[in-house]
Protein backbone atom coordinates (compact mmCIF):
# COMPACT_ATOMS: atom_id res chain seq x y z
CA MET A 1 131.60 -151.98 25.17
CA ASN A 2 133.95 -149.39 25.10
CA LYS A 3 134.13 -150.11 21.36
CA THR A 4 130.24 -149.66 21.17
CA PHE A 5 130.53 -146.48 23.15
CA ASN A 6 133.28 -145.15 20.44
CA ILE A 7 130.85 -145.54 17.52
CA ILE A 8 127.95 -144.06 19.27
CA TYR A 9 130.26 -141.19 20.57
CA LEU A 10 131.67 -141.09 16.50
CA PHE A 11 128.03 -140.98 14.82
CA VAL A 12 127.36 -137.98 17.30
CA PHE A 13 130.23 -135.88 16.33
CA CYS A 14 129.52 -136.72 12.51
CA GLY A 15 125.92 -135.87 13.31
CA LEU A 16 126.92 -132.28 15.10
CA LEU A 17 129.06 -131.72 12.71
CA LEU A 18 126.95 -132.19 9.97
CA PHE A 19 124.46 -129.66 11.80
CA SER A 20 126.73 -127.17 11.78
CA SER A 21 127.80 -127.31 8.38
CA ALA A 22 123.74 -127.19 7.28
CA LYS A 23 123.35 -123.84 9.90
CA VAL A 24 126.44 -122.40 8.01
CA PHE A 25 125.33 -122.82 4.71
CA ALA A 26 121.73 -122.06 5.19
CA GLN A 27 122.88 -118.52 6.36
CA VAL A 28 123.78 -117.11 2.94
CA ALA A 29 125.60 -113.67 2.51
CA PRO A 30 123.80 -110.89 1.60
CA GLN A 31 123.31 -109.89 -2.11
CA VAL A 32 123.59 -106.83 -4.15
CA GLN A 33 122.19 -106.68 -7.65
CA THR A 34 122.75 -104.49 -10.80
CA THR A 35 119.56 -104.11 -12.85
CA TYR A 36 118.21 -102.42 -16.11
CA PRO A 37 118.21 -98.60 -16.15
CA THR A 38 114.86 -96.98 -17.01
CA TYR A 39 113.40 -93.65 -18.25
CA ILE A 40 116.69 -92.99 -20.22
CA GLN A 41 116.80 -89.35 -21.74
CA ASN A 42 119.63 -87.17 -23.38
CA ASN A 43 120.80 -85.80 -20.12
CA SER A 44 119.64 -88.47 -17.16
CA ALA A 45 118.65 -91.71 -16.51
CA THR A 46 117.18 -93.71 -13.72
CA LEU A 47 119.49 -96.85 -12.01
CA ASN A 48 117.81 -99.53 -10.49
CA GLY A 49 118.84 -102.65 -8.09
CA THR A 50 117.89 -104.97 -5.70
CA LEU A 51 119.51 -105.95 -1.84
CA THR A 52 118.58 -109.71 -0.77
CA CYS A 53 119.50 -109.80 2.76
CA ASN A 54 118.46 -111.51 5.50
CA ASN A 55 119.82 -111.12 9.39
CA ASN A 56 122.50 -113.67 9.56
CA ASN A 57 124.05 -114.10 13.23
CA TYR A 58 126.74 -116.17 11.10
CA TYR A 59 128.07 -113.45 8.94
CA ASN A 60 127.42 -111.10 11.72
CA TYR A 61 125.20 -109.18 9.31
CA SER A 62 122.12 -106.89 10.21
CA CYS A 63 120.05 -105.79 7.35
CA ASP A 64 117.78 -103.40 9.44
CA SER A 65 117.11 -99.71 8.58
CA THR A 66 120.21 -98.79 10.15
CA GLY A 67 122.74 -101.43 8.96
CA ALA A 68 122.82 -101.55 5.42
CA THR A 69 123.08 -98.43 2.83
CA VAL A 70 123.09 -98.51 -0.83
CA TRP A 71 124.32 -96.51 -3.58
CA PHE A 72 125.50 -96.54 -7.17
CA GLN A 73 128.90 -95.85 -8.70
CA TRP A 74 128.38 -94.54 -12.33
CA GLY A 75 130.88 -92.87 -14.87
CA THR A 76 131.89 -93.02 -18.75
CA ASP A 77 133.89 -96.49 -18.17
CA ALA A 78 134.04 -99.45 -15.52
CA ASN A 79 136.67 -97.00 -13.43
CA TYR A 80 133.35 -95.17 -12.80
CA GLY A 81 134.15 -92.03 -10.92
CA SER A 82 130.88 -91.11 -9.92
CA THR A 83 128.82 -91.89 -6.80
CA SER A 84 124.94 -91.13 -6.09
CA PHE A 85 123.79 -90.81 -2.75
CA GLN A 86 123.61 -93.25 -0.22
CA GLN A 87 119.95 -94.13 1.04
CA SER A 88 119.07 -96.66 4.09
CA LEU A 89 117.68 -100.11 2.95
CA SER A 90 116.98 -103.50 4.78
CA SER A 91 115.99 -105.26 1.37
CA GLY A 92 114.22 -105.16 -1.79
CA THR A 93 114.73 -102.79 -4.80
CA PHE A 94 116.29 -99.20 -4.93
CA MET A 95 116.67 -96.51 -7.77
CA GLN A 96 118.67 -92.77 -7.95
CA GLN A 97 118.26 -90.72 -11.19
CA ILE A 98 121.03 -89.24 -11.95
CA ALA A 99 121.57 -86.40 -13.78
CA ASN A 100 123.98 -83.86 -16.12
CA LEU A 101 124.98 -86.39 -18.68
CA ASN A 102 126.03 -86.15 -22.21
CA TYR A 103 124.27 -86.69 -25.20
CA ASN A 104 124.75 -90.21 -26.97
CA THR A 105 127.42 -91.19 -24.57
CA THR A 106 128.11 -94.44 -23.05
CA TYR A 107 127.30 -94.87 -19.00
CA HIS A 108 128.60 -97.98 -17.05
CA PHE A 109 127.26 -98.12 -13.45
CA ARG A 110 126.88 -100.95 -11.42
CA ALA A 111 125.05 -101.26 -7.59
CA VAL A 112 126.89 -100.80 -4.35
CA ALA A 113 125.78 -101.77 -0.72
CA ASN A 114 127.36 -101.13 2.63
CA ILE A 115 126.33 -103.76 5.20
CA ASN A 116 128.17 -103.49 8.61
CA GLY A 117 131.18 -102.34 7.23
CA GLN A 118 130.84 -104.86 4.46
CA ILE A 119 130.67 -103.25 0.93
CA PHE A 120 128.89 -105.60 -1.78
CA TYR A 121 129.09 -105.03 -5.40
CA GLY A 122 126.20 -105.82 -7.92
CA GLN A 123 127.43 -106.56 -11.89
CA ASP A 124 128.45 -103.81 -14.50
CA MET A 125 125.90 -102.62 -16.90
CA SER A 126 125.49 -99.82 -19.46
CA PHE A 127 123.08 -97.59 -20.89
CA ASN A 128 123.73 -94.74 -23.84
CA THR A 129 121.70 -91.34 -23.74
CA ASN A 130 120.91 -91.49 -27.55
CA GLY A 131 117.41 -90.44 -27.58
CA SER A 132 114.10 -91.72 -27.41
CA ASN A 133 114.26 -95.55 -28.31
CA ASN A 134 116.60 -96.19 -25.61
CA TYR A 135 114.31 -96.94 -22.94
CA ASN A 136 114.34 -100.68 -20.90
CA GLY A 137 110.77 -101.12 -20.06
CA SER A 138 107.54 -102.44 -21.03
CA GLY A 139 105.71 -99.57 -20.99
CA SER A 140 103.71 -97.60 -24.55
CA LEU A 141 102.05 -94.70 -25.62
CA THR A 142 99.00 -95.58 -27.90
CA VAL A 143 97.58 -91.82 -29.49
CA THR A 144 94.67 -91.62 -31.97
CA LYS A 145 92.88 -88.64 -32.83
CA LYS A 146 89.31 -87.89 -34.02
CA VAL A 147 86.94 -85.44 -35.56
CA ILE A 148 83.29 -84.36 -35.07
CA ASN A 149 81.15 -81.54 -36.83
CA LEU A 150 79.06 -79.46 -34.37
CA SER A 151 77.12 -77.80 -36.48
CA SER A 152 76.01 -80.31 -38.78
CA GLY A 153 75.08 -82.71 -35.94
CA ASN A 154 77.08 -85.29 -36.98
CA LEU A 155 78.70 -86.50 -33.78
CA ASN A 156 80.09 -89.26 -34.96
CA TRP A 157 84.23 -89.40 -34.02
CA GLN A 158 85.97 -89.92 -37.34
CA THR A 159 89.02 -89.32 -38.68
CA VAL A 160 87.94 -87.57 -41.43
CA ALA A 161 84.60 -85.13 -40.84
CA ASN A 162 82.82 -83.02 -43.80
CA ALA A 163 82.12 -79.17 -43.22
CA SER A 164 81.43 -75.84 -44.69
CA PRO A 165 82.80 -72.70 -44.15
CA GLY A 166 82.50 -71.40 -40.36
CA ASP A 167 81.15 -74.42 -39.14
CA VAL A 168 82.22 -75.49 -35.66
CA LEU A 169 84.56 -78.64 -34.80
CA SER A 170 85.24 -80.79 -31.97
CA PHE A 171 88.84 -82.51 -31.72
CA SER A 172 89.64 -85.32 -29.64
CA ILE A 173 93.08 -86.91 -28.64
CA VAL A 174 93.10 -89.90 -26.73
CA LEU A 175 96.69 -90.89 -24.56
CA GLN A 176 96.57 -94.48 -23.79
CA ALA A 177 99.14 -95.89 -21.68
CA THR A 178 99.78 -99.81 -22.26
CA GLY A 179 102.23 -102.50 -20.76
CA ASN A 180 102.99 -102.06 -17.50
CA GLN A 181 105.09 -99.02 -16.81
CA ASP A 182 104.12 -95.35 -16.35
CA ILE A 183 104.38 -93.12 -19.32
CA HIS A 184 106.69 -89.92 -17.85
CA ASN A 185 106.55 -86.54 -19.10
CA VAL A 186 103.78 -86.53 -21.43
CA PHE A 187 103.60 -83.22 -23.54
CA LEU A 188 100.82 -82.67 -26.32
CA ARG A 189 100.68 -80.22 -28.95
CA ASP A 190 98.18 -79.82 -31.72
CA VAL A 191 99.39 -76.70 -34.44
CA LEU A 192 96.15 -76.17 -36.66
CA PRO A 193 96.44 -75.33 -40.43
CA ALA A 194 95.39 -71.59 -40.89
CA SER A 195 91.83 -71.93 -42.08
CA LEU A 196 91.21 -73.64 -38.52
CA ILE A 197 91.04 -71.44 -35.88
CA TYR A 198 91.01 -72.54 -32.15
CA TYR A 199 87.80 -72.15 -30.80
CA GLY A 200 88.22 -73.00 -26.93
CA SER A 201 86.53 -75.31 -24.41
CA THR A 202 89.22 -77.61 -24.09
CA THR A 203 88.89 -80.32 -21.70
CA ILE A 204 90.92 -83.28 -19.79
CA ASN A 205 88.86 -86.07 -18.72
CA SER A 206 85.70 -83.98 -18.72
CA ILE A 207 87.57 -81.53 -16.63
CA THR A 208 88.00 -77.83 -18.29
CA ASN A 209 91.46 -77.14 -18.77
CA TYR A 210 92.24 -73.35 -19.65
CA ASN A 211 95.75 -74.59 -21.62
CA ASN A 212 95.42 -74.31 -25.34
CA PRO A 213 96.75 -77.47 -27.02
CA VAL A 214 98.24 -75.16 -30.16
CA SER A 215 100.54 -73.71 -27.39
CA GLY A 216 100.91 -76.94 -26.02
CA ILE A 217 99.46 -78.81 -22.66
CA ASN A 218 102.06 -80.56 -20.32
CA ILE A 219 100.39 -84.04 -19.46
CA GLY A 220 102.77 -85.24 -17.18
CA THR A 221 102.51 -89.22 -16.16
CA ILE A 222 100.03 -91.60 -17.43
CA PRO A 223 99.89 -94.31 -15.06
CA ALA A 224 100.26 -97.90 -16.62
CA GLY A 225 96.67 -98.77 -18.09
CA GLY A 226 95.21 -95.19 -17.76
CA SER A 227 94.66 -93.21 -20.21
CA GLU A 228 93.59 -89.05 -20.72
CA ILE A 229 91.47 -87.38 -23.15
CA VAL A 230 92.15 -83.91 -24.70
CA ILE A 231 89.10 -82.49 -26.49
CA TYR A 232 89.07 -79.04 -27.94
CA GLN A 233 86.68 -76.98 -30.45
CA ALA A 234 87.73 -75.15 -33.83
CA GLN A 235 86.06 -73.28 -36.15
CA VAL A 236 86.66 -73.25 -40.17
CA ALA A 237 87.29 -70.12 -41.61
CA SER A 238 84.90 -67.81 -43.44
CA ALA A 239 84.56 -68.53 -47.37
CA SER A 240 86.51 -65.88 -48.49
CA ASN A 241 89.65 -67.99 -47.21
CA PHE A 242 88.48 -71.40 -49.83
CA THR A 243 88.26 -71.44 -53.66
CA TYR A 244 85.32 -73.09 -54.71
CA GLY A 245 85.07 -76.79 -54.56
CA THR A 246 86.62 -78.46 -51.61
CA THR A 247 89.79 -78.53 -49.76
CA THR A 248 91.19 -80.96 -47.53
CA LEU A 249 92.96 -79.35 -44.18
CA SER A 250 94.70 -82.25 -42.40
CA ASN A 251 96.39 -81.16 -38.67
CA ASN A 252 98.84 -83.51 -36.50
CA ALA A 253 98.74 -83.91 -32.85
CA THR A 254 102.40 -84.21 -31.52
CA VAL A 255 103.04 -86.10 -28.81
CA THR A 256 106.27 -86.80 -26.86
CA SER A 257 107.09 -88.90 -23.75
CA ASN A 258 110.13 -90.40 -21.93
CA GLU A 259 109.02 -93.93 -22.78
CA SER A 260 107.74 -93.47 -26.72
CA GLY A 261 109.54 -90.74 -27.86
CA THR A 262 107.73 -88.68 -30.54
CA GLN A 263 104.34 -89.84 -31.82
CA ILE A 264 102.23 -87.91 -34.45
CA ALA A 265 97.80 -88.29 -34.74
CA SER A 266 96.34 -86.94 -37.65
CA ALA A 267 92.46 -85.99 -38.47
CA SER A 268 91.25 -84.16 -41.63
CA VAL A 269 88.29 -81.65 -42.37
CA THR A 270 86.85 -81.57 -45.85
CA VAL A 271 85.55 -78.65 -46.31
CA THR A 272 83.20 -77.33 -49.18
CA ASN A 273 82.42 -73.76 -50.40
CA SER A 274 79.69 -73.39 -52.73
CA GLN A 275 79.94 -69.67 -53.15
CA VAL A 276 80.83 -68.18 -56.50
CA TYR A 277 82.41 -64.80 -56.41
CA GLY A 278 81.66 -62.79 -59.98
CA ALA A 279 83.42 -60.07 -61.23
CA SER A 280 84.72 -56.94 -59.45
CA THR A 281 82.51 -54.46 -58.55
CA SER A 282 84.96 -51.72 -58.83
CA PRO A 283 84.81 -48.80 -61.51
CA THR A 284 86.86 -49.56 -64.81
CA SER A 285 87.41 -46.89 -67.08
CA ILE A 286 86.67 -47.71 -71.10
CA SER A 287 87.54 -45.16 -73.41
CA THR A 288 84.13 -43.67 -75.12
CA GLY A 289 85.65 -40.93 -77.42
CA LEU A 290 83.91 -38.14 -74.98
CA THR A 291 85.81 -35.59 -73.81
CA ASN A 292 83.42 -34.12 -71.33
CA ASN A 293 83.28 -31.00 -73.19
CA PRO A 294 79.55 -29.84 -74.31
CA ILE A 295 80.69 -27.87 -77.29
CA THR A 296 83.49 -30.78 -78.98
CA ASP A 297 80.66 -33.77 -77.37
CA SER A 298 77.35 -32.65 -78.82
CA PHE A 299 75.53 -34.23 -81.03
CA PHE A 300 73.29 -31.58 -82.26
CA LEU A 301 75.75 -28.52 -83.00
CA PRO A 302 77.29 -30.02 -86.36
CA LEU A 303 74.01 -31.35 -87.08
CA PHE A 304 72.89 -27.63 -86.74
CA PHE A 305 75.18 -26.28 -89.09
CA ILE A 306 74.61 -28.98 -91.65
CA ILE A 307 70.80 -27.69 -91.44
CA LEU A 308 71.35 -24.03 -91.64
CA GLY A 309 73.80 -24.62 -94.63
CA ALA A 310 71.17 -26.62 -96.67
CA TRP A 311 68.48 -23.95 -95.90
CA LEU A 312 70.52 -21.26 -97.37
CA TYR A 313 71.62 -23.08 -100.37
CA PHE A 314 67.83 -24.32 -101.03
CA SER A 315 66.29 -20.70 -100.31
CA GLY A 316 68.47 -18.67 -102.55
CA LYS A 317 69.82 -17.22 -99.94
CA ILE A 318 73.18 -18.55 -99.90
CA TYR A 319 74.18 -16.05 -102.43
CA LYS A 320 73.33 -13.04 -100.17
CA PHE A 321 74.99 -14.55 -97.69
CA SER A 322 78.10 -15.06 -99.50
CA ASP A 323 77.85 -11.14 -100.63
CA TRP A 324 77.36 -10.05 -97.15
CA LEU A 325 80.13 -12.36 -95.76
CA ALA A 326 82.45 -11.00 -99.00
CA GLU A 327 81.54 -7.09 -98.29
CA LYS A 328 82.64 -7.95 -94.43
CA ILE A 329 85.96 -9.06 -95.20
CA LYS A 330 86.94 -6.48 -97.38
């Protein structure tokens, strides 16, 4: 009988021991994880991390808004040396931006959490501020540009349009955010060639905007899957600015953003000038042999002397004239 009770006590003791062990293993300690940085620019970046923490009586962890703080350590090597500000977090993802970084420099960072006075560290990660191709995200920007000739009535948007001097054109620039990430700091500039003149009527998503795309328009952030459509008008210069025949004018829209760097979209206008310009109408000096002197330039004066001489000769009075002239000379 005593032996039986001893066996029962042994099974009860083992069961209690297993239950306690299961309870201990079930209550996992908090974890903080460092994740990929985003929005990396020449002098700034956004650091990301994740805190996984449930209220844990066994470990005495309280991951409520007052019991846990998170931040980042960062620097040019794994010794870090700099810290970001601390923020309260119960559980989930967190991010902070760091600035005043050096261009083309490698930086290390890791996420840190303080839960009830105990410090937890995430893994070390690094990034380099080497320009626009170092973004860790799945977002990108697609830019397209087209043109129509309002004066001709051809309202089919295309990459090449035909025009005559003086025609009014309309350009459209479509910016589409593809992927699952917002596109930040989008800036558009469209420099027109000399023979295309900005004509106004700028709209963004059909809303009037008084910024000149030639000077540049700050679009800002385009949400993931969203788009911005910029439309404005330009006028072809007068015929005197073109040679006879056709001239192709190409202009480029340049778009910059954090995630996609610099992109260029183009549209062209083929201008046909049918006017022919003649010779100059300004006076031209051509030598004619005349001196504007009525005596020397007269045609009748020498003719008069020829006729007079012939009359004197054939009338016989030439001799009397010669005797008279000789008498006067004496």
